Amino acid sequence: GLEAKTLLNYLINKKPKTYKPSQLRSLQRRIKTWRAEYGESKLPIYRQNIQPGKQSQSDFTVMNSLNITIKGVHLKHLLFHFMLPYSRWESVRICYSETFDNLVVGFEKAVWELGYTAPEHRTDNLSAATKAMGDKREFTERWQQAMAHYQINPTTNNPGVSHENGSVEKSHDLLKKAIEQALLLRGYRDFDDMKSYENFIEGVVKTRNDYCLERLAEETELLQELPDEKWHAPTVVQVRVSPASIVQLMNKPYSVPSRLIHYTLKAYIYPDEIILFYGNKRLQNMPRNHDDSLSGINYRHLIDGLVRKPEAFESYRYQEAFFPRLCFRQAYDQLRKKRAGNADKLYLKVLQLAKIQSEQLVSDALILLLEDGQTPTPLAVKDLIDVYHQERQHVEVREPCLADYDQLLTNVTRPEVH
């Protein structure tokens, strides 16, 4: 187990006149020769003959080394990676943690894109699918239920023996290299939003899949049919709406309409979406918040109350959620400079216009006022919106005259009928 450098340092200390650092390469060669004859036995990797239609594999892989940014902000994320070892067909899904929900949704996305399932699916010993039972791990009940829905036998590699899940492990490296090459060709790693990045990743995967269509056609003949519907079991929790019109779900705040204050709601939590029910009545769908932002706070739920109590806005813990676009933040800062005494009140009325009229219209009005150096008061914003509505009312759409079409038809030369 000793390295050549360690041994050489030992020899130099023992006999400094006989040995010197320049002899390192010679010593390394002699040790390698000695190990070839007397060295410790190693465990070989036993390459398998991969059979078509027998197995699918999946795993998570960290993507942070690619330095992807969304509007300049570094995106820390994973990919759920599914593949068929024989044909090398694959599917991916962006996620942020190795949870059961991300495992199931990524798996279902893959098999429904594929249109089939293999009779066996292999994962490693991730906690999303397995749990510790003494000195070994067993599949969780929920993962077994999901696999049973698709009539699939779940398997896993032995702990610490990752090459037993080697096809998807190798595919991780090849996929990352393909994405890296596509990024180099693109010339930059910043994306406008998550959807743009998702489309980019899907494009890379599609290109890779195009190279395996022949083997995929051979493999799909041996795969199983899908069931009639997906197995998609969300996390269901009871949650009470606070006096602040907020619910806390998975340690993240989400706003709801103030009429629901003190109500107890049922939340169905999916990996990318949360649905709120009262009894059997669906009340609200909202994207799930995966980071430390305030994306779960919707200013439209809370703005009317703040207009009545503007003094609460200055130190409001969710204040940042009330600047839906940069121009709103700039308008607020401008009001604080020019109308410091009642800036909060004026700004909240501007934001209320965004709820009542249109966020886009108010945004356009704010940009015009700021560029012109005018104070973005509610009255100034409303005047610009009124001008827009007046211009729209003067649009004239003439009704077409059907007689023109009749005249056109009479002038058409008809072909002779033989």
Protein backbone atom coordinates (compact mmCIF):
# COMPACT_ATOMS: atom_id res chain seq x y z
CA GLY A 1 0.00 0.00 0.00
CA LEU A 2 2.99 2.34 0.26
CA GLU A 3 3.56 4.81 -2.57
CA ALA A 4 6.91 5.21 -4.33
CA LYS A 5 7.29 8.80 -3.14
CA THR A 6 6.86 7.73 0.50
CA LEU A 7 9.44 4.97 0.11
CA LEU A 8 11.93 7.25 -1.62
CA ASN A 9 11.68 9.87 1.14
CA TYR A 10 12.32 7.08 3.66
CA LEU A 11 15.41 5.89 1.75
CA ILE A 12 16.75 9.44 1.36
CA ASN A 13 16.44 10.00 5.11
CA LYS A 14 18.23 6.70 5.77
CA LYS A 15 21.01 7.09 3.19
CA PRO A 16 21.06 10.66 1.82
CA LYS A 17 24.33 10.03 -0.03
CA THR A 18 22.95 7.00 -1.89
CA TYR A 19 19.44 8.11 -2.85
CA LYS A 20 18.11 11.34 -4.34
CA PRO A 21 14.71 12.74 -5.56
CA SER A 22 15.59 12.27 -9.24
CA GLN A 23 15.33 8.49 -8.78
CA LEU A 24 11.56 8.62 -8.22
CA ARG A 25 10.58 7.46 -11.74
CA SER A 26 13.00 4.49 -11.54
CA LEU A 27 11.59 3.46 -8.18
CA GLN A 28 8.01 3.75 -9.50
CA ARG A 29 8.85 1.38 -12.38
CA ARG A 30 10.46 -1.16 -10.05
CA ILE A 31 7.47 -1.08 -7.67
CA LYS A 32 5.08 -1.56 -10.59
CA THR A 33 7.12 -4.59 -11.74
CA TRP A 34 7.13 -6.02 -8.20
CA ARG A 35 3.33 -5.57 -7.89
CA ALA A 36 2.80 -7.35 -11.22
CA GLU A 37 4.39 -10.44 -9.65
CA TYR A 38 3.50 -10.18 -5.96
CA GLY A 39 0.79 -7.50 -5.74
CA GLU A 40 -2.62 -7.84 -4.11
CA SER A 41 -5.46 -9.36 -6.15
CA LYS A 42 -8.12 -6.95 -7.43
CA LEU A 43 -11.81 -7.50 -8.03
CA PRO A 44 -12.48 -7.56 -11.80
CA ILE A 45 -15.49 -5.93 -13.39
CA TYR A 46 -17.49 -8.62 -15.18
CA ARG A 47 -18.86 -7.12 -18.38
CA GLN A 48 -22.40 -8.19 -19.13
CA ASN A 49 -24.13 -9.18 -22.33
CA ILE A 50 -26.94 -6.63 -22.23
CA GLN A 51 -30.23 -8.09 -23.42
CA PRO A 52 -32.80 -5.89 -25.20
CA GLY A 53 -36.07 -5.22 -23.45
CA LYS A 54 -34.94 -6.56 -20.09
CA GLN A 55 -34.13 -3.57 -17.91
CA SER A 56 -34.21 0.21 -17.52
CA GLN A 57 -31.96 2.19 -15.17
CA SER A 58 -32.15 5.60 -13.51
CA ASP A 59 -30.10 7.80 -11.24
CA PHE A 60 -29.56 11.44 -10.27
CA THR A 61 -26.49 13.38 -11.39
CA VAL A 62 -25.25 16.77 -10.17
CA MET A 63 -24.98 19.45 -12.90
CA ASN A 64 -23.34 22.33 -10.98
CA SER A 65 -19.97 21.92 -12.71
CA LEU A 66 -21.49 23.17 -15.99
CA ASN A 67 -21.99 26.64 -14.41
CA ILE A 68 -25.46 27.23 -15.86
CA THR A 69 -26.99 30.62 -14.98
CA ILE A 70 -30.55 31.94 -15.24
CA LYS A 71 -30.45 35.70 -15.83
CA GLY A 72 -26.97 35.74 -14.34
CA VAL A 73 -27.79 33.70 -11.22
CA HIS A 74 -25.95 30.38 -10.84
CA LEU A 75 -28.37 27.44 -11.06
CA LYS A 76 -27.62 24.64 -8.60
CA HIS A 77 -29.50 21.62 -9.86
CA LEU A 78 -29.57 17.92 -10.66
CA LEU A 79 -30.78 15.84 -13.56
CA PHE A 80 -32.91 12.77 -13.08
CA HIS A 81 -31.51 10.49 -15.76
CA PHE A 82 -33.37 7.45 -17.15
CA MET A 83 -32.03 5.14 -19.84
CA LEU A 84 -32.38 1.76 -21.54
CA PRO A 85 -28.99 -0.02 -21.38
CA TYR A 86 -29.43 -1.89 -24.67
CA SER A 87 -30.59 0.86 -27.04
CA ARG A 88 -29.11 3.75 -24.97
CA TRP A 89 -32.41 5.67 -25.27
CA GLU A 90 -32.64 8.21 -22.47
CA SER A 91 -34.84 10.82 -20.79
CA VAL A 92 -33.98 13.55 -18.29
CA ARG A 93 -35.74 15.95 -15.95
CA ILE A 94 -34.29 18.95 -14.12
CA CYS A 95 -34.76 18.80 -10.34
CA TYR A 96 -33.18 20.15 -7.16
CA SER A 97 -32.96 17.21 -4.78
CA GLU A 98 -33.02 13.40 -4.70
CA THR A 99 -36.56 13.09 -3.36
CA PHE A 100 -39.17 10.41 -3.87
CA ASP A 101 -41.38 12.86 -5.79
CA ASN A 102 -38.58 13.72 -8.20
CA LEU A 103 -37.79 10.02 -8.65
CA VAL A 104 -41.41 9.10 -9.48
CA VAL A 105 -42.13 12.11 -11.70
CA GLY A 106 -38.85 11.66 -13.58
CA PHE A 107 -39.54 7.94 -14.05
CA GLU A 108 -43.10 8.56 -15.25
CA LYS A 109 -41.98 11.31 -17.62
CA ALA A 110 -39.52 8.87 -19.14
CA VAL A 111 -41.78 5.86 -19.61
CA TRP A 112 -44.67 7.89 -20.99
CA GLU A 113 -42.30 9.57 -23.48
CA LEU A 114 -41.03 6.11 -24.40
CA GLY A 115 -44.50 4.60 -24.54
CA TYR A 116 -43.39 1.35 -22.89
CA THR A 117 -41.79 -0.07 -19.75
CA ALA A 118 -39.12 -2.69 -19.18
CA PRO A 119 -40.01 -5.56 -16.82
CA GLU A 120 -37.18 -4.55 -14.46
CA HIS A 121 -35.99 -1.13 -13.27
CA ARG A 122 -32.69 -0.61 -11.46
CA THR A 123 -31.70 2.26 -9.18
CA ASP A 124 -28.84 2.62 -6.74
CA ASN A 125 -29.51 2.68 -2.99
CA LEU A 126 -30.81 6.25 -2.91
CA SER A 127 -33.00 7.12 0.07
CA ALA A 128 -35.85 8.16 -2.24
CA ALA A 129 -36.44 4.49 -3.11
CA THR A 130 -34.88 2.51 -0.26
CA LYS A 131 -34.69 2.55 3.53
CA ALA A 132 -32.24 1.05 6.01
CA MET A 133 -33.28 -2.28 7.53
CA GLY A 134 -30.50 -3.35 9.86
CA ASP A 135 -27.30 -3.72 7.88
CA LYS A 136 -29.05 -3.70 4.50
CA ARG A 137 -31.52 -1.57 2.57
CA GLU A 138 -35.00 -2.45 1.34
CA PHE A 139 -37.38 -0.69 -1.02
CA THR A 140 -39.86 1.74 0.52
CA GLU A 141 -43.53 0.85 0.38
CA ARG A 142 -44.33 3.84 -1.86
CA TRP A 143 -41.67 2.90 -4.43
CA GLN A 144 -42.92 -0.68 -4.47
CA GLN A 145 -46.46 0.62 -5.05
CA ALA A 146 -45.29 2.77 -7.95
CA MET A 147 -43.42 -0.12 -9.52
CA ALA A 148 -46.36 -2.50 -8.98
CA HIS A 149 -48.63 -0.04 -10.84
CA TYR A 150 -46.40 -0.51 -13.90
CA GLN A 151 -45.89 -4.26 -13.28
CA ILE A 152 -42.16 -3.69 -12.90
CA ASN A 153 -39.74 -5.57 -10.67
CA PRO A 154 -37.56 -3.00 -8.82
CA THR A 155 -33.89 -3.90 -8.31
CA THR A 156 -30.89 -2.11 -6.89
CA ASN A 157 -27.14 -2.53 -6.94
CA ASN A 158 -25.21 -3.69 -3.89
CA PRO A 159 -24.15 -0.82 -1.60
CA GLY A 160 -20.83 0.64 -2.71
CA VAL A 161 -20.83 -1.25 -6.02
CA SER A 162 -21.87 1.50 -8.40
CA HIS A 163 -20.74 -0.36 -11.54
CA GLU A 164 -23.75 -2.68 -11.09
CA ASN A 165 -25.73 0.37 -12.22
CA GLY A 166 -22.95 1.09 -14.69
CA SER A 167 -24.92 1.78 -17.86
CA VAL A 168 -26.59 4.89 -16.47
CA GLU A 169 -23.38 5.89 -14.62
CA LYS A 170 -21.45 5.87 -17.90
CA SER A 171 -24.34 7.60 -19.63
CA HIS A 172 -24.09 10.43 -17.05
CA ASP A 173 -20.58 11.22 -18.27
CA LEU A 174 -21.48 11.03 -21.95
CA LEU A 175 -24.57 13.21 -21.48
CA LYS A 176 -22.63 15.88 -19.56
CA LYS A 177 -19.99 15.94 -22.28
CA ALA A 178 -22.70 16.35 -24.92
CA ILE A 179 -24.29 19.22 -22.97
CA GLU A 180 -20.86 20.82 -22.47
CA GLN A 181 -20.20 20.63 -26.21
CA ALA A 182 -23.61 22.14 -26.99
CA LEU A 183 -22.88 24.97 -24.54
CA LEU A 184 -19.51 25.65 -26.16
CA LEU A 185 -21.19 25.74 -29.57
CA ARG A 186 -23.87 28.07 -28.19
CA GLY A 187 -21.18 30.41 -26.91
CA TYR A 188 -22.67 31.28 -23.52
CA ARG A 189 -24.24 29.54 -20.50
CA ASP A 190 -26.87 32.05 -19.43
CA PHE A 191 -30.58 31.46 -20.10
CA ASP A 192 -33.52 33.85 -19.89
CA ASP A 193 -35.63 31.45 -17.82
CA MET A 194 -35.93 27.83 -16.74
CA LYS A 195 -38.11 26.96 -19.73
CA SER A 196 -35.36 28.02 -22.14
CA TYR A 197 -32.84 25.88 -20.29
CA GLU A 198 -35.22 22.90 -20.21
CA ASN A 199 -35.74 23.20 -23.97
CA PHE A 200 -31.98 23.32 -24.47
CA ILE A 201 -31.43 20.14 -22.42
CA GLU A 202 -34.29 18.35 -24.18
CA GLY A 203 -32.74 19.30 -27.53
CA VAL A 204 -29.43 17.70 -26.56
CA VAL A 205 -31.19 14.53 -25.39
CA LYS A 206 -33.27 14.32 -28.58
CA THR A 207 -30.13 14.56 -30.71
CA ARG A 208 -28.55 11.71 -28.73
CA ASN A 209 -31.71 9.61 -29.00
CA ASP A 210 -31.79 10.07 -32.77
CA TYR A 211 -28.63 7.95 -33.00
CA CYS A 212 -30.23 4.94 -31.31
CA LEU A 213 -33.54 4.68 -33.17
CA GLU A 214 -32.63 1.42 -34.90
CA ARG A 215 -31.76 -0.39 -31.66
CA LEU A 216 -34.75 1.24 -29.94
CA ALA A 217 -37.11 -0.19 -32.58
CA GLU A 218 -35.61 -3.61 -31.90
CA GLU A 219 -36.01 -3.15 -28.15
CA THR A 220 -39.56 -1.77 -28.04
CA GLU A 221 -40.88 -5.01 -29.55
CA LEU A 222 -39.87 -6.70 -26.28
CA LEU A 223 -41.11 -4.05 -23.82
CA GLN A 224 -44.36 -3.97 -21.83
CA GLU A 225 -47.40 -1.82 -22.55
CA LEU A 226 -48.15 1.14 -20.29
CA PRO A 227 -51.13 1.04 -17.91
CA ASP A 228 -54.17 3.20 -18.64
CA GLU A 229 -53.02 6.05 -16.38
CA LYS A 230 -50.03 7.29 -14.42
CA TRP A 231 -49.26 6.53 -10.80
CA HIS A 232 -48.84 9.97 -9.32
CA ALA A 233 -49.29 10.17 -5.57
CA PRO A 234 -48.73 13.66 -4.14
CA THR A 235 -47.90 14.53 -0.54
CA VAL A 236 -51.18 15.59 1.10
CA VAL A 237 -51.17 17.86 4.17
CA GLN A 238 -53.70 19.90 6.13
CA VAL A 239 -52.72 23.54 6.50
CA ARG A 240 -54.37 26.47 8.29
CA VAL A 241 -54.34 29.93 6.72
CA SER A 242 -52.69 32.43 9.06
CA PRO A 243 -54.08 35.90 9.86
CA ALA A 244 -51.48 37.19 7.39
CA SER A 245 -53.26 35.25 4.61
CA ILE A 246 -50.23 32.95 4.32
CA VAL A 247 -49.82 29.17 4.42
CA GLN A 248 -46.50 27.49 5.15
CA LEU A 249 -45.82 24.44 2.99
CA MET A 250 -42.51 22.56 3.03
CA ASN A 251 -41.07 25.50 5.01
CA LYS A 252 -41.97 27.96 2.22
CA PRO A 253 -44.59 30.76 2.43
CA TYR A 254 -47.48 30.88 -0.04
CA SER A 255 -50.18 33.54 -0.16
CA VAL A 256 -53.89 32.87 -0.59
CA PRO A 257 -56.87 35.22 -0.98
CA SER A 258 -57.67 36.94 2.33
CA ARG A 259 -61.20 35.50 2.39
CA LEU A 260 -59.54 32.20 3.38
CA ILE A 261 -57.96 33.53 6.59
CA HIS A 262 -58.48 30.99 9.43
CA TYR A 263 -59.68 28.32 6.99
CA THR A 264 -58.07 24.87 7.13
CA LEU A 265 -57.18 23.74 3.62
CA LYS A 266 -55.92 20.51 2.12
CA ALA A 267 -52.72 20.88 0.08
CA TYR A 268 -51.69 18.38 -2.59
CA ILE A 269 -47.96 18.88 -3.01
CA TYR A 270 -46.45 17.72 -6.31
CA PRO A 271 -42.82 18.21 -7.34
CA ASP A 272 -43.62 21.26 -9.48
CA GLU A 273 -47.10 22.28 -8.37
CA ILE A 274 -49.27 22.73 -5.29
CA ILE A 275 -53.07 22.48 -5.40
CA LEU A 276 -55.20 23.77 -2.54
CA PHE A 277 -58.64 22.36 -1.74
CA TYR A 278 -61.36 23.23 0.72
CA GLY A 279 -63.42 20.08 1.03
CA ASN A 280 -63.74 18.85 -2.55
CA LYS A 281 -63.52 22.35 -4.05
CA ARG A 282 -60.29 23.17 -5.82
CA LEU A 283 -59.36 26.72 -4.85
CA GLN A 284 -55.89 27.43 -6.14
CA ASN A 285 -53.06 26.04 -8.28
CA MET A 286 -49.60 27.49 -7.79
CA PRO A 287 -46.05 26.62 -8.85
CA ARG A 288 -43.96 25.03 -6.12
CA ASN A 289 -41.13 27.18 -4.78
CA HIS A 290 -37.79 25.33 -4.86
CA ASP A 291 -35.45 28.11 -3.72
CA ASP A 292 -35.20 30.85 -1.10
CA SER A 293 -37.17 33.40 -3.14
CA LEU A 294 -40.67 34.70 -2.38
CA SER A 295 -42.15 33.25 -5.56
CA GLY A 296 -45.02 31.76 -3.52
CA ILE A 297 -46.28 35.24 -2.54
CA ASN A 298 -48.77 36.66 -5.03
CA TYR A 299 -49.24 40.40 -4.53
CA ARG A 300 -52.76 40.18 -5.98
CA HIS A 301 -53.90 38.27 -2.87
CA LEU A 302 -52.65 40.93 -0.45
CA ILE A 303 -52.56 44.31 -2.20
CA ASP A 304 -56.09 45.46 -1.31
CA GLY A 305 -55.43 45.14 2.41
CA LEU A 306 -52.11 46.97 2.12
CA VAL A 307 -53.77 49.85 0.27
CA ARG A 308 -55.93 50.29 3.37
CA LYS A 309 -52.90 49.96 5.69
CA PRO A 310 -49.98 51.44 3.71
CA GLU A 311 -47.93 52.06 6.85
CA ALA A 312 -47.36 48.28 7.09
CA PHE A 313 -45.51 48.16 3.77
CA GLU A 314 -42.18 49.75 4.69
CA SER A 315 -41.12 46.92 7.03
CA TYR A 316 -43.24 44.14 5.54
CA ARG A 317 -41.29 40.86 5.54
CA TYR A 318 -42.59 39.95 2.09
CA GLN A 319 -42.04 43.37 0.56
CA GLU A 320 -39.79 42.08 -2.26
CA ALA A 321 -42.69 40.05 -3.66
CA PHE A 322 -44.50 43.33 -4.34
CA PHE A 323 -42.08 44.34 -7.09
CA PRO A 324 -43.14 41.96 -9.88
CA ARG A 325 -40.83 43.64 -12.42
CA LEU A 326 -37.79 45.89 -12.26
CA CYS A 327 -39.75 48.97 -13.32
CA PHE A 328 -42.01 48.58 -10.25
CA ARG A 329 -38.97 48.66 -7.96
CA GLN A 330 -37.63 51.70 -9.83
CA ALA A 331 -41.00 53.44 -9.53
CA TYR A 332 -41.07 52.82 -5.78
CA ASP A 333 -37.55 54.21 -5.36
CA GLN A 334 -38.50 57.28 -7.42
CA LEU A 335 -41.56 57.90 -5.29
CA ARG A 336 -39.50 57.65 -2.10
CA LYS A 337 -37.20 60.36 -3.47
CA LYS A 338 -39.89 62.77 -4.70
CA ARG A 339 -42.87 61.94 -2.46
CA ALA A 340 -41.20 60.62 0.67
CA GLY A 341 -44.16 61.41 2.92
CA ASN A 342 -46.66 59.16 1.14
CA ALA A 343 -44.51 57.06 -1.21
CA ASP A 344 -45.80 53.74 0.17
CA LYS A 345 -49.42 54.73 -0.27
CA LEU A 346 -48.88 55.98 -3.82
CA TYR A 347 -46.90 52.93 -4.88
CA LEU A 348 -49.45 50.47 -3.47
CA LYS A 349 -52.19 52.20 -5.45
CA VAL A 350 -50.05 51.82 -8.58
CA LEU A 351 -49.66 48.11 -7.84
CA GLN A 352 -53.39 47.83 -7.23
CA LEU A 353 -53.91 49.16 -10.75
CA ALA A 354 -51.76 46.25 -11.98
CA LYS A 355 -54.17 43.86 -10.30
CA ILE A 356 -57.31 45.63 -11.55
CA GLN A 357 -56.20 46.57 -15.05
CA SER A 358 -53.17 44.66 -16.30
CA GLU A 359 -49.65 44.22 -15.01
CA GLN A 360 -48.35 44.62 -18.55
CA LEU A 361 -50.21 47.91 -19.11
CA VAL A 362 -49.02 49.34 -15.80
CA SER A 363 -45.47 48.18 -16.55
CA ASP A 364 -45.54 49.91 -19.94
CA ALA A 365 -46.87 53.09 -18.35
CA LEU A 366 -44.20 53.07 -15.63
CA ILE A 367 -41.41 52.64 -18.18
CA LEU A 368 -42.69 55.62 -20.20
CA LEU A 369 -43.00 57.82 -17.10
CA LEU A 370 -39.55 56.87 -15.78
CA GLU A 371 -37.88 57.42 -19.16
CA ASP A 372 -39.58 60.83 -19.39
CA GLY A 373 -38.42 61.79 -15.88
CA GLN A 374 -41.98 62.09 -14.56
CA THR A 375 -43.13 60.99 -11.11
CA PRO A 376 -44.95 57.63 -11.47
CA THR A 377 -48.05 58.51 -9.45
CA PRO A 378 -51.27 56.43 -9.68
CA LEU A 379 -52.98 59.29 -11.54
CA ALA A 380 -50.19 59.54 -14.13
CA VAL A 381 -50.25 55.78 -14.68
CA LYS A 382 -54.03 55.71 -14.99
CA ASP A 383 -54.00 58.55 -17.52
CA LEU A 384 -51.64 56.60 -19.79
CA ILE A 385 -53.78 53.48 -19.48
CA ASP A 386 -56.90 55.49 -20.37
CA VAL A 387 -55.14 56.82 -23.49
CA TYR A 388 -54.32 53.24 -24.47
CA HIS A 389 -57.96 52.17 -24.04
CA GLN A 390 -59.16 55.16 -26.10
CA GLU A 391 -56.80 54.26 -28.92
CA ARG A 392 -58.08 50.70 -28.89
CA GLN A 393 -61.70 51.91 -29.06
CA HIS A 394 -60.98 53.79 -32.32
CA VAL A 395 -59.76 50.70 -34.13
CA GLU A 396 -62.13 50.09 -37.06
CA VAL A 397 -62.59 46.62 -38.47
CA ARG A 398 -64.54 46.62 -41.71
CA GLU A 399 -66.91 43.77 -42.37
CA PRO A 400 -65.98 41.97 -45.58
CA CYS A 401 -68.47 42.04 -48.45
CA LEU A 402 -69.39 38.51 -49.45
CA ALA A 403 -70.50 39.73 -52.87
CA ASP A 404 -66.83 40.34 -53.68
CA TYR A 405 -66.21 36.62 -53.24
CA ASP A 406 -69.17 35.78 -55.47
CA GLN A 407 -67.77 38.03 -58.17
CA LEU A 408 -64.36 36.39 -57.80
CA LEU A 409 -65.86 32.92 -58.21
CA THR A 410 -67.70 33.88 -61.43
CA ASN A 411 -64.40 34.99 -62.96
CA VAL A 412 -62.63 31.69 -62.21
CA THR A 413 -62.00 29.69 -65.38
CA ARG A 414 -63.30 26.19 -64.72
CA PRO A 415 -61.28 23.24 -66.17
CA GLU A 416 -62.98 21.05 -68.73
CA VAL A 417 -64.42 17.81 -67.39
CA HIS A 418 -63.54 14.72 -69.44
